[in-house]
Amino acid sequence: MTISQAIRKTVDAVRLTVADLHAELPRNGLVVWTAGNISARVPDSELLVIKPSGVSYDDLTADQMVVTDLHGSVVEGSNVPSSDTAAHAYVYRHMADVGGVVHTHSTYACAWSALGIPVPCVLTMMADEFGGAIPNGPYAPIGDDSIGRGIVETLRSSRSTAVLMQNHGPFTIGRSAMAAVKSAVMCEAVCRAVYLIRQMGEPIPMAQTEIDALYDRYQHAYGQR
C-alpha cells in the first residue's frame, strides 16, 4: 500500500497531532521511560498513525511516527512501530467510531488491573466520563491482536472509554486521539481517588439512575456546544 497524494496532507497532519499528544502522557504522570503509546485513525483511509517502539518521549517528532494499515503492517516510516500496534489496529477494524487509542502504564490504573476487579462508580466525575464502572479486560499476551480482542469484547458491553487489561494496565478509546488521551488522564485520576477512598472506608454506592442522569448531562449538555 502506498499513500496517495489525495490523503498526503491528512496523513502528515495526523502524524503531527499524534507526536504532539504524546507530550501529554509524561506531563500528566501516566508513563515512565518509553512505556505507553498513542495512535490515531487517518480519516477516509485504512491507515493509522502510531508511536515508534522504544523511543524517548523527549525525542518524538512527527517524522518519527509510523503509518500502518489496519492490520499493523508498516506503510510509511523508518522506525519499528509500537509493540501494541496489532492491538490498536484490531480496535480500529472492529469499532468504526473509534478515532484514537491510548495505552499507558499509569500507577493506580495498573494497580487496579492487577486486582482483576472493576473500579466502582462512586464519584460524579466517573459517571460523567465513563457512565459507570471502569471494567477489567482479560489477560492477553503483548505483540499480537489478543489485547485488541480483549479491549473490543469488554468495551462493546460498556459505556466506558477505558478498560484495565488484567496484569497490564489501561487502554482508552475516543472519537479522536485527543478524546482518548483525556480518557486516560481521567482514568488515572479516578483510579487514584477510589483507591484512597477504600483506604478510608467503604465508598457510598451511587444509584444507577443518578449515574445515568450525570452521564447524559455531561455527554450532551456540558461545556460549549
C-alpha atoms as a PDB file:
ATOM      1  CA  MET A   1       0.000   0.000   0.000  1.00  0.00           C
ATOM      2  CA  THR A   2       1.206   3.497  -0.807  1.00  0.00           C
ATOM      3  CA  ILE A   3      -0.103   6.816   0.457  1.00  0.00           C
ATOM      4  CA  SER A   4      -1.915   8.694  -2.297  1.00  0.00           C
ATOM      5  CA  GLN A   5      -1.485  12.402  -2.878  1.00  0.00           C
ATOM      6  CA  ALA A   6      -5.178  12.817  -2.082  1.00  0.00           C
ATOM      7  CA  ILE A   7      -4.595  11.996   1.590  1.00  0.00           C
ATOM      8  CA  ARG A   8      -0.942  13.079   1.960  1.00  0.00           C
ATOM      9  CA  LYS A   9      -1.818  16.302   3.811  1.00  0.00           C
ATOM     10  CA  THR A  10      -4.189  14.417   6.098  1.00  0.00           C
ATOM     11  CA  VAL A  11      -1.566  11.799   6.960  1.00  0.00           C
ATOM     12  CA  ASP A  12       1.030  14.486   7.699  1.00  0.00           C
ATOM     13  CA  ALA A  13      -1.439  16.357   9.906  1.00  0.00           C
ATOM     14  CA  VAL A  14      -2.273  13.209  11.870  1.00  0.00           C
ATOM     15  CA  ARG A  15       1.424  12.424  12.341  1.00  0.00           C
ATOM     16  CA  LEU A  16       1.942  15.886  13.825  1.00  0.00           C
ATOM     17  CA  THR A  17      -1.111  15.579  16.073  1.00  0.00           C
ATOM     18  CA  VAL A  18      -0.056  12.171  17.399  1.00  0.00           C
ATOM     19  CA  ALA A  19       3.510  13.341  18.028  1.00  0.00           C
ATOM     20  CA  ASP A  20       2.311  16.410  19.916  1.00  0.00           C
ATOM     21  CA  LEU A  21      -0.216  14.473  22.004  1.00  0.00           C
ATOM     22  CA  HIS A  22       2.490  12.169  23.344  1.00  0.00           C
ATOM     23  CA  ALA A  23       3.746  15.083  25.437  1.00  0.00           C
ATOM     24  CA  GLU A  24       0.520  14.825  27.472  1.00  0.00           C
ATOM     25  CA  LEU A  25       1.407  11.374  28.810  1.00  0.00           C
ATOM     26  CA  PRO A  26       4.552  12.299  30.795  1.00  0.00           C
ATOM     27  CA  ARG A  27       3.061  15.724  31.568  1.00  0.00           C
ATOM     28  CA  ASN A  28       0.185  14.008  33.368  1.00  0.00           C
ATOM     29  CA  GLY A  29       2.368  11.359  35.005  1.00  0.00           C
ATOM     30  CA  LEU A  30       0.898   8.474  33.011  1.00  0.00           C
ATOM     31  CA  VAL A  31       4.106   6.842  31.729  1.00  0.00           C
ATOM     32  CA  VAL A  32       7.699   6.122  32.680  1.00  0.00           C
ATOM     33  CA  TRP A  33      10.708   5.855  30.359  1.00  0.00           C
ATOM     34  CA  THR A  34       9.431   4.823  26.883  1.00  0.00           C
ATOM     35  CA  ALA A  35       6.307   2.933  28.004  1.00  0.00           C
ATOM     36  CA  GLY A  36       2.905   3.749  26.569  1.00  0.00           C
ATOM     37  CA  ASN A  37       1.631   4.828  23.173  1.00  0.00           C
ATOM     38  CA  ILE A  38      -0.975   6.843  21.302  1.00  0.00           C
ATOM     39  CA  SER A  39      -2.443   6.123  17.883  1.00  0.00           C
ATOM     40  CA  ALA A  40      -4.961   7.863  15.658  1.00  0.00           C
ATOM     41  CA  ARG A  41      -7.029   6.700  12.731  1.00  0.00           C
ATOM     42  CA  VAL A  42      -6.336   8.559   9.474  1.00  0.00           C
ATOM     43  CA  PRO A  43      -9.756   9.794   8.264  1.00  0.00           C
ATOM     44  CA  ASP A  44     -11.087   8.472   4.964  1.00  0.00           C
ATOM     45  CA  SER A  45      -8.456   5.751   4.756  1.00  0.00           C
ATOM     46  CA  GLU A  46      -7.483   2.314   6.029  1.00  0.00           C
ATOM     47  CA  LEU A  47      -4.490   3.736   7.897  1.00  0.00           C
ATOM     48  CA  LEU A  48      -3.419   4.600  11.421  1.00  0.00           C
ATOM     49  CA  VAL A  49      -0.511   6.575  12.881  1.00  0.00           C
ATOM     50  CA  ILE A  50       1.264   5.291  15.991  1.00  0.00           C
ATOM     51  CA  LYS A  51       4.308   5.924  18.179  1.00  0.00           C
ATOM     52  CA  PRO A  52       7.555   4.082  17.352  1.00  0.00           C
ATOM     53  CA  SER A  53       8.735   1.399  19.764  1.00  0.00           C
ATOM     54  CA  GLY A  54      11.237   2.282  22.490  1.00  0.00           C
ATOM     55  CA  VAL A  55      11.830   5.924  21.531  1.00  0.00           C
ATOM     56  CA  SER A  56      12.183   8.523  24.301  1.00  0.00           C
ATOM     57  CA  TYR A  57       9.280  10.931  24.684  1.00  0.00           C
ATOM     58  CA  ASP A  58      11.731  13.827  24.525  1.00  0.00           C
ATOM     59  CA  ASP A  59      12.842  12.679  21.073  1.00  0.00           C
ATOM     60  CA  LEU A  60       9.450  12.134  19.450  1.00  0.00           C
ATOM     61  CA  THR A  61       8.714  14.144  16.309  1.00  0.00           C
ATOM     62  CA  ALA A  62       6.111  13.898  13.568  1.00  0.00           C
ATOM     63  CA  ASP A  63       8.699  12.364  11.231  1.00  0.00           C
ATOM     64  CA  GLN A  64       9.271   9.511  13.672  1.00  0.00           C
ATOM     65  CA  MET A  65       5.624   8.485  13.828  1.00  0.00           C
ATOM     66  CA  VAL A  66       4.838   5.276  11.950  1.00  0.00           C
ATOM     67  CA  VAL A  67       1.966   4.849   9.492  1.00  0.00           C
ATOM     68  CA  THR A  68       0.494   1.349   9.250  1.00  0.00           C
ATOM     69  CA  ASP A  69      -2.543  -0.235   7.674  1.00  0.00           C
ATOM     70  CA  LEU A  70      -5.394  -1.510   9.841  1.00  0.00           C
ATOM     71  CA  HIS A  71      -3.653  -4.880  10.190  1.00  0.00           C
ATOM     72  CA  GLY A  72      -0.487  -3.310  11.610  1.00  0.00           C
ATOM     73  CA  SER A  73       1.711  -3.585   8.525  1.00  0.00           C
ATOM     74  CA  VAL A  74       4.047  -0.612   8.085  1.00  0.00           C
ATOM     75  CA  VAL A  75       3.114   1.664   5.184  1.00  0.00           C
ATOM     76  CA  GLU A  76       5.417   4.571   5.916  1.00  0.00           C
ATOM     77  CA  GLY A  77       8.153   5.291   8.437  1.00  0.00           C
ATOM     78  CA  SER A  78      11.691   4.164   9.133  1.00  0.00           C
ATOM     79  CA  ASN A  79      11.026   3.130  12.754  1.00  0.00           C
ATOM     80  CA  VAL A  80       9.590  -0.080  14.147  1.00  0.00           C
ATOM     81  CA  PRO A  81       6.041   0.684  15.362  1.00  0.00           C
ATOM     82  CA  SER A  82       4.867   0.166  18.938  1.00  0.00           C
ATOM     83  CA  SER A  83       4.628  -3.414  20.161  1.00  0.00           C
ATOM     84  CA  ASP A  84       0.919  -2.707  20.734  1.00  0.00           C
ATOM     85  CA  THR A  85       0.253  -1.830  17.084  1.00  0.00           C
ATOM     86  CA  ALA A  86      -1.652  -5.041  16.327  1.00  0.00           C
ATOM     87  CA  ALA A  87      -3.928  -4.370  19.310  1.00  0.00           C
ATOM     88  CA  HIS A  88      -4.639  -0.793  18.186  1.00  0.00           C
ATOM     89  CA  ALA A  89      -5.293  -1.973  14.631  1.00  0.00           C
ATOM     90  CA  TYR A  90      -7.770  -4.597  15.831  1.00  0.00           C
ATOM     91  CA  VAL A  91      -9.725  -1.934  17.722  1.00  0.00           C
ATOM     92  CA  TYR A  92      -9.950   0.287  14.629  1.00  0.00           C
ATOM     93  CA  ARG A  93     -11.097  -2.624  12.459  1.00  0.00           C
ATOM     94  CA  HIS A  94     -13.876  -3.600  14.846  1.00  0.00           C
ATOM     95  CA  MET A  95     -15.000  -0.257  16.333  1.00  0.00           C
ATOM     96  CA  ALA A  96     -15.709   2.089  13.441  1.00  0.00           C
ATOM     97  CA  ASP A  97     -16.456   5.114  15.627  1.00  0.00           C
ATOM     98  CA  VAL A  98     -13.056   4.989  17.375  1.00  0.00           C
ATOM     99  CA  GLY A  99     -10.592   7.600  16.124  1.00  0.00           C
ATOM    100  CA  GLY A 100      -7.896   7.281  18.781  1.00  0.00           C
ATOM    101  CA  VAL A 101      -6.421   4.673  21.131  1.00  0.00           C
ATOM    102  CA  VAL A 102      -4.120   5.273  24.109  1.00  0.00           C
ATOM    103  CA  HIS A 103      -2.168   2.876  26.328  1.00  0.00           C
ATOM    104  CA  THR A 104      -0.363   3.935  29.484  1.00  0.00           C
ATOM    105  CA  HIS A 105       1.244   2.303  32.489  1.00  0.00           C
ATOM    106  CA  SER A 106      -0.169   4.816  34.954  1.00  0.00           C
ATOM    107  CA  THR A 107       0.389   3.698  38.541  1.00  0.00           C
ATOM    108  CA  TYR A 108      -3.082   3.481  40.056  1.00  0.00           C
ATOM    109  CA  ALA A 109      -4.764   2.113  36.933  1.00  0.00           C
ATOM    110  CA  CYS A 110      -2.079  -0.595  36.708  1.00  0.00           C
ATOM    111  CA  ALA A 111      -2.647  -1.450  40.362  1.00  0.00           C
ATOM    112  CA  TRP A 112      -6.375  -1.918  39.764  1.00  0.00           C
ATOM    113  CA  SER A 113      -5.612  -4.029  36.676  1.00  0.00           C
ATOM    114  CA  ALA A 114      -3.649  -6.477  38.832  1.00  0.00           C
ATOM    115  CA  LEU A 115      -6.618  -6.893  41.189  1.00  0.00           C
ATOM    116  CA  GLY A 116      -8.843  -8.038  38.337  1.00  0.00           C
ATOM    117  CA  ILE A 117     -11.875  -6.126  39.596  1.00  0.00           C
ATOM    118  CA  PRO A 118     -13.721  -3.149  38.074  1.00  0.00           C
ATOM    119  CA  VAL A 119     -13.240   0.317  39.530  1.00  0.00           C
ATOM    120  CA  PRO A 120     -16.676   1.011  41.067  1.00  0.00           C
ATOM    121  CA  CYS A 121     -18.527   4.151  40.022  1.00  0.00           C
ATOM    122  CA  VAL A 122     -18.695   6.113  43.281  1.00  0.00           C
ATOM    123  CA  LEU A 123     -17.851   9.615  42.028  1.00  0.00           C
ATOM    124  CA  THR A 124     -19.798  12.027  39.851  1.00  0.00           C
ATOM    125  CA  MET A 125     -16.793  12.532  37.549  1.00  0.00           C
ATOM    126  CA  MET A 126     -16.739   8.775  36.911  1.00  0.00           C
ATOM    127  CA  ALA A 127     -20.410   8.843  35.994  1.00  0.00           C
ATOM    128  CA  ASP A 128     -19.791  11.876  33.770  1.00  0.00           C
ATOM    129  CA  GLU A 129     -16.836  10.481  31.865  1.00  0.00           C
ATOM    130  CA  PHE A 130     -17.293   6.702  31.924  1.00  0.00           C
ATOM    131  CA  GLY A 131     -21.012   6.181  32.504  1.00  0.00           C
ATOM    132  CA  GLY A 132     -20.354   3.631  35.231  1.00  0.00           C
ATOM    133  CA  ALA A 133     -17.589   1.385  36.494  1.00  0.00           C
ATOM    134  CA  ILE A 134     -14.288   1.088  34.635  1.00  0.00           C
ATOM    135  CA  PRO A 135     -14.216  -2.578  33.588  1.00  0.00           C
ATOM    136  CA  ASN A 136     -11.404  -5.081  33.645  1.00  0.00           C
ATOM    137  CA  GLY A 137     -10.410  -6.878  30.464  1.00  0.00           C
ATOM    138  CA  PRO A 138      -8.800 -10.322  30.250  1.00  0.00           C
ATOM    139  CA  TYR A 139      -5.100 -11.037  30.450  1.00  0.00           C
ATOM    140  CA  ALA A 140      -3.605 -11.145  26.949  1.00  0.00           C
ATOM    141  CA  PRO A 141      -0.072 -11.514  25.553  1.00  0.00           C
ATOM    142  CA  ILE A 142       1.721  -8.499  24.066  1.00  0.00           C
ATOM    143  CA  GLY A 143       2.631  -8.396  20.387  1.00  0.00           C
ATOM    144  CA  ASP A 144      -0.374  -9.796  18.541  1.00  0.00           C
ATOM    145  CA  ASP A 145      -4.019  -8.723  18.412  1.00  0.00           C
ATOM    146  CA  SER A 146      -5.026 -10.570  21.615  1.00  0.00           C
ATOM    147  CA  ILE A 147      -5.114  -7.332  23.612  1.00  0.00           C
ATOM    148  CA  GLY A 148      -7.221  -5.704  20.909  1.00  0.00           C
ATOM    149  CA  ARG A 149      -9.725  -8.554  21.068  1.00  0.00           C
ATOM    150  CA  GLY A 150      -9.961  -8.149  24.834  1.00  0.00           C
ATOM    151  CA  ILE A 151     -10.488  -4.396  24.538  1.00  0.00           C
ATOM    152  CA  VAL A 152     -13.253  -4.747  21.961  1.00  0.00           C
ATOM    153  CA  GLU A 153     -15.036  -7.597  23.761  1.00  0.00           C
ATOM    154  CA  THR A 154     -15.015  -5.669  27.037  1.00  0.00           C
ATOM    155  CA  LEU A 155     -15.928  -2.187  25.819  1.00  0.00           C
ATOM    156  CA  ARG A 156     -18.691  -3.305  23.455  1.00  0.00           C
ATOM    157  CA  SER A 157     -20.833  -4.045  26.508  1.00  0.00           C
ATOM    158  CA  SER A 158     -19.858  -0.908  28.452  1.00  0.00           C
ATOM    159  CA  ARG A 159     -20.250   2.854  28.166  1.00  0.00           C
ATOM    160  CA  SER A 160     -16.709   3.233  29.486  1.00  0.00           C
ATOM    161  CA  THR A 161     -13.979   4.504  27.189  1.00  0.00           C
ATOM    162  CA  ALA A 162     -11.360   2.884  29.439  1.00  0.00           C
ATOM    163  CA  VAL A 163     -10.558  -0.751  30.154  1.00  0.00           C
ATOM    164  CA  LEU A 164      -7.993  -2.127  32.597  1.00  0.00           C
ATOM    165  CA  MET A 165      -6.374  -5.102  30.916  1.00  0.00           C
ATOM    166  CA  GLN A 166      -5.565  -7.675  33.593  1.00  0.00           C
ATOM    167  CA  ASN A 167      -1.995  -7.555  34.975  1.00  0.00           C
ATOM    168  CA  HIS A 168      -1.116  -4.992  32.321  1.00  0.00           C
ATOM    169  CA  GLY A 169      -2.763  -1.596  32.508  1.00  0.00           C
ATOM    170  CA  PRO A 170      -5.227   0.836  30.968  1.00  0.00           C
ATOM    171  CA  PHE A 171      -6.234   1.208  27.337  1.00  0.00           C
ATOM    172  CA  THR A 172      -8.581   4.034  26.382  1.00  0.00           C
ATOM    173  CA  ILE A 173     -10.510   4.899  23.242  1.00  0.00           C
ATOM    174  CA  GLY A 174     -12.152   8.027  21.860  1.00  0.00           C
ATOM    175  CA  ARG A 175     -13.687   9.550  18.778  1.00  0.00           C
ATOM    176  CA  SER A 176     -10.348  11.323  18.388  1.00  0.00           C
ATOM    177  CA  ALA A 177      -6.851  10.769  19.747  1.00  0.00           C
ATOM    178  CA  MET A 178      -7.333  13.816  21.982  1.00  0.00           C
ATOM    179  CA  ALA A 179     -10.505  12.291  23.441  1.00  0.00           C
ATOM    180  CA  ALA A 180      -8.665   9.038  24.128  1.00  0.00           C
ATOM    181  CA  VAL A 181      -5.888  10.969  25.902  1.00  0.00           C
ATOM    182  CA  LYS A 182      -8.479  12.762  28.034  1.00  0.00           C
ATOM    183  CA  SER A 183      -9.971   9.394  28.959  1.00  0.00           C
ATOM    184  CA  ALA A 184      -6.519   8.128  30.000  1.00  0.00           C
ATOM    185  CA  VAL A 185      -5.942  11.173  32.225  1.00  0.00           C
ATOM    186  CA  MET A 186      -9.391  10.846  33.804  1.00  0.00           C
ATOM    187  CA  CYS A 187      -8.972   7.093  34.237  1.00  0.00           C
ATOM    188  CA  GLU A 188      -5.840   7.506  36.330  1.00  0.00           C
ATOM    189  CA  ALA A 189      -7.424  10.288  38.370  1.00  0.00           C
ATOM    190  CA  VAL A 190     -10.447   8.207  39.351  1.00  0.00           C
ATOM    191  CA  CYS A 191      -8.385   5.044  39.931  1.00  0.00           C
ATOM    192  CA  ARG A 192      -6.296   7.019  42.418  1.00  0.00           C
ATOM    193  CA  ALA A 193      -9.318   8.626  44.070  1.00  0.00           C
ATOM    194  CA  VAL A 194     -11.226   5.370  44.522  1.00  0.00           C
ATOM    195  CA  TYR A 195      -8.093   3.680  45.894  1.00  0.00           C
ATOM    196  CA  LEU A 196      -7.797   6.441  48.505  1.00  0.00           C
ATOM    197  CA  ILE A 197     -11.497   6.208  49.350  1.00  0.00           C
ATOM    198  CA  ARG A 198     -11.142   2.491  50.011  1.00  0.00           C
ATOM    199  CA  GLN A 199      -8.255   3.150  52.404  1.00  0.00           C
ATOM    200  CA  MET A 200     -10.551   5.426  54.411  1.00  0.00           C
ATOM    201  CA  GLY A 201     -13.598   3.182  54.396  1.00  0.00           C
ATOM    202  CA  GLU A 202     -16.331   1.682  52.251  1.00  0.00           C
ATOM    203  CA  PRO A 203     -17.464   4.050  49.462  1.00  0.00           C
ATOM    204  CA  ILE A 204     -21.125   5.029  49.300  1.00  0.00           C
ATOM    205  CA  PRO A 205     -22.728   3.451  46.214  1.00  0.00           C
ATOM    206  CA  MET A 206     -24.350   5.677  43.588  1.00  0.00           C
ATOM    207  CA  ALA A 207     -27.808   4.838  42.283  1.00  0.00           C
ATOM    208  CA  GLN A 208     -27.878   3.782  38.634  1.00  0.00           C
ATOM    209  CA  THR A 209     -30.482   6.466  37.917  1.00  0.00           C
ATOM    210  CA  GLU A 210     -28.066   9.129  39.182  1.00  0.00           C
ATOM    211  CA  ILE A 211     -25.195   7.673  37.132  1.00  0.00           C
ATOM    212  CA  ASP A 212     -27.382   7.672  34.024  1.00  0.00           C
ATOM    213  CA  ALA A 213     -28.516  11.260  34.587  1.00  0.00           C
ATOM    214  CA  LEU A 214     -24.981  12.525  35.169  1.00  0.00           C
ATOM    215  CA  TYR A 215     -23.669  10.714  32.090  1.00  0.00           C
ATOM    216  CA  ASP A 216     -26.418  12.104  29.881  1.00  0.00           C
ATOM    217  CA  ARG A 217     -25.872  15.665  31.127  1.00  0.00           C
ATOM    218  CA  TYR A 218     -22.101  15.547  30.704  1.00  0.00           C
ATOM    219  CA  GLN A 219     -22.166  13.903  27.293  1.00  0.00           C
ATOM    220  CA  HIS A 220     -24.919  16.071  25.800  1.00  0.00           C
ATOM    221  CA  ALA A 221     -25.188  19.361  27.696  1.00  0.00           C
ATOM    222  CA  TYR A 222     -21.903  20.114  29.471  1.00  0.00           C
ATOM    223  CA  GLY A 223     -19.437  22.635  28.044  1.00  0.00           C
ATOM    224  CA  GLN A 224     -19.578  24.777  24.928  1.00  0.00           C
ATOM    225  CA  ARG A 225     -21.654  23.479  22.039  1.00  0.00           C
END
